[in-house]
Amino acid sequence: MLAPKTPISPDEFAARRTAATAAAQAEELDGLLVCGRGGGSVDRFADIAYLTDHYSSFPFIPDVEGHWTGRGHSFLALPCRGNPVLVIDVPYVDRVAMPAHQVVVADLVIEAAIEALRSCGLARGRIGLVGTDTIALNMFRKIEAALPEAQFVPADRLLGALRAVKSPAEIARLRAASALGSRMLDAMMDAAVPGRTHADVLAAGMAVLIPAGGIFYNSFMASGHGGDAPHAVRSTFPTWCSPEPLREGQWFRTGISGVLHGYYFDLARACPIGRPSNHQIDAFEAAIDVIAAGIAAIRPGATAGDVARAGLAKQKALEYPVSGVFSGLGHGIGLGWDVPWLNTDDTTPLVPGMVLCLEKTLSRDGYLGDFEETVLVTEAGCALLTDAKIRRW
């Protein structure tokens, strides 16, 4: 059954555009050019979706000059004075949270984006570019060459700051996404038994995710055993494709992420396969304790660095090596991976309405623990949004 979708009003999207232009004016910019990507990917769609509620379902394909350019991409020309213009590559104008006359549908998306900038009075001056990690070099060079009097200035941080604090409607969507992710993860951990493969485990989760209308993004999966001759089982492309089945006495961990109604979920758990050993339990509990220490440090006025340092101090006290594929303690979450990043040197103050994922994968002597939760920063501290079963030992 499809999960119900909390509505976000056109007025809220309009207010976001107003806030974005105010931020641009404060930086002495004449406007913004915002680039987003769709095409079946859940990477890099966030800024366009945040401002317009648009997502392109057309897949990315290489440009064929004179026929199409920029397919799978969208551009919003957002002047500080005047009306914005959204350029999209699919004719679903009725689903955009902007007046229809401000939306242009085009096969030649890049050329239409250039004309949109001109029509908005942004053919010259200082223009903030949002989506510097999204727009392809050939696209940017074409826009830059067509508008030689325009100076494009990186401006991703302006939208990042706006997206960091969620509205009540966004929080409701994140709560629903976290609930779905929790049910997906519960189903996967239930399926992690001797004889099953990583693919079998993921299939159990997909049976929960897809009927609800969720989109799968990623899964970090591994299993193995520690001791004198530790052994880890994993695959990278795709992550669930190791042919080696789970065996009695192993540990298993998975971190999953996905999207429901545009908003992300991200969480992780570890468990024993069969009867647990004391060494396994030590690793599992250590990951939980590190995240608990980070969560205990969350309160309005604390910084992202305070949270990261609290978790790191606990990890050091437990004598687990400070290493791994991700050095932070977590990140913001929303329409994508949002600021702040929970690194020890991040001075970003926490404020109510931020939604954070706290995560830790740690290992020692081949034994591995993994744990991740999503929390909402509140006036009193924080509240859990994820509620997957924690202990299976």
Foldseek 3Di string as FASTA:
>chain_A
DAADAQDDALVQLVVLLLLLLVLCVVVVFQWAKEKAFACPALPGRPPQCSNKVDFANRHDDPDDPPFAPDARMKIWTRGSDDDIAIEHADPPLVRISDPSVRYHHDRHRLVVSLVRCVVRVNLATEYEYAQPVNDDPVSVVVSCVVRVRYDYDHDNVSVLVVVQFADPSQVVQQLVQQALVQVLQLQLVVQQAFPAALVSSNVSSVVSAVVNPKFWHAKAKKKWAFDPDTDIFFDVVPTRPGPDTDDAAMKIKMWTWIHDSLWMHIKMWIAGHHDYDPQQVLQAVLFVVLQVQLQVQFAFFAWLLSSFVSSVVSNVVSVFDQDDPDNAQWAWTTSHGGDDTNHNPGGHGDDFRGKIKGWDWTDDRNHIHITIWIWTHDNGGIDTSHDHDHYDD
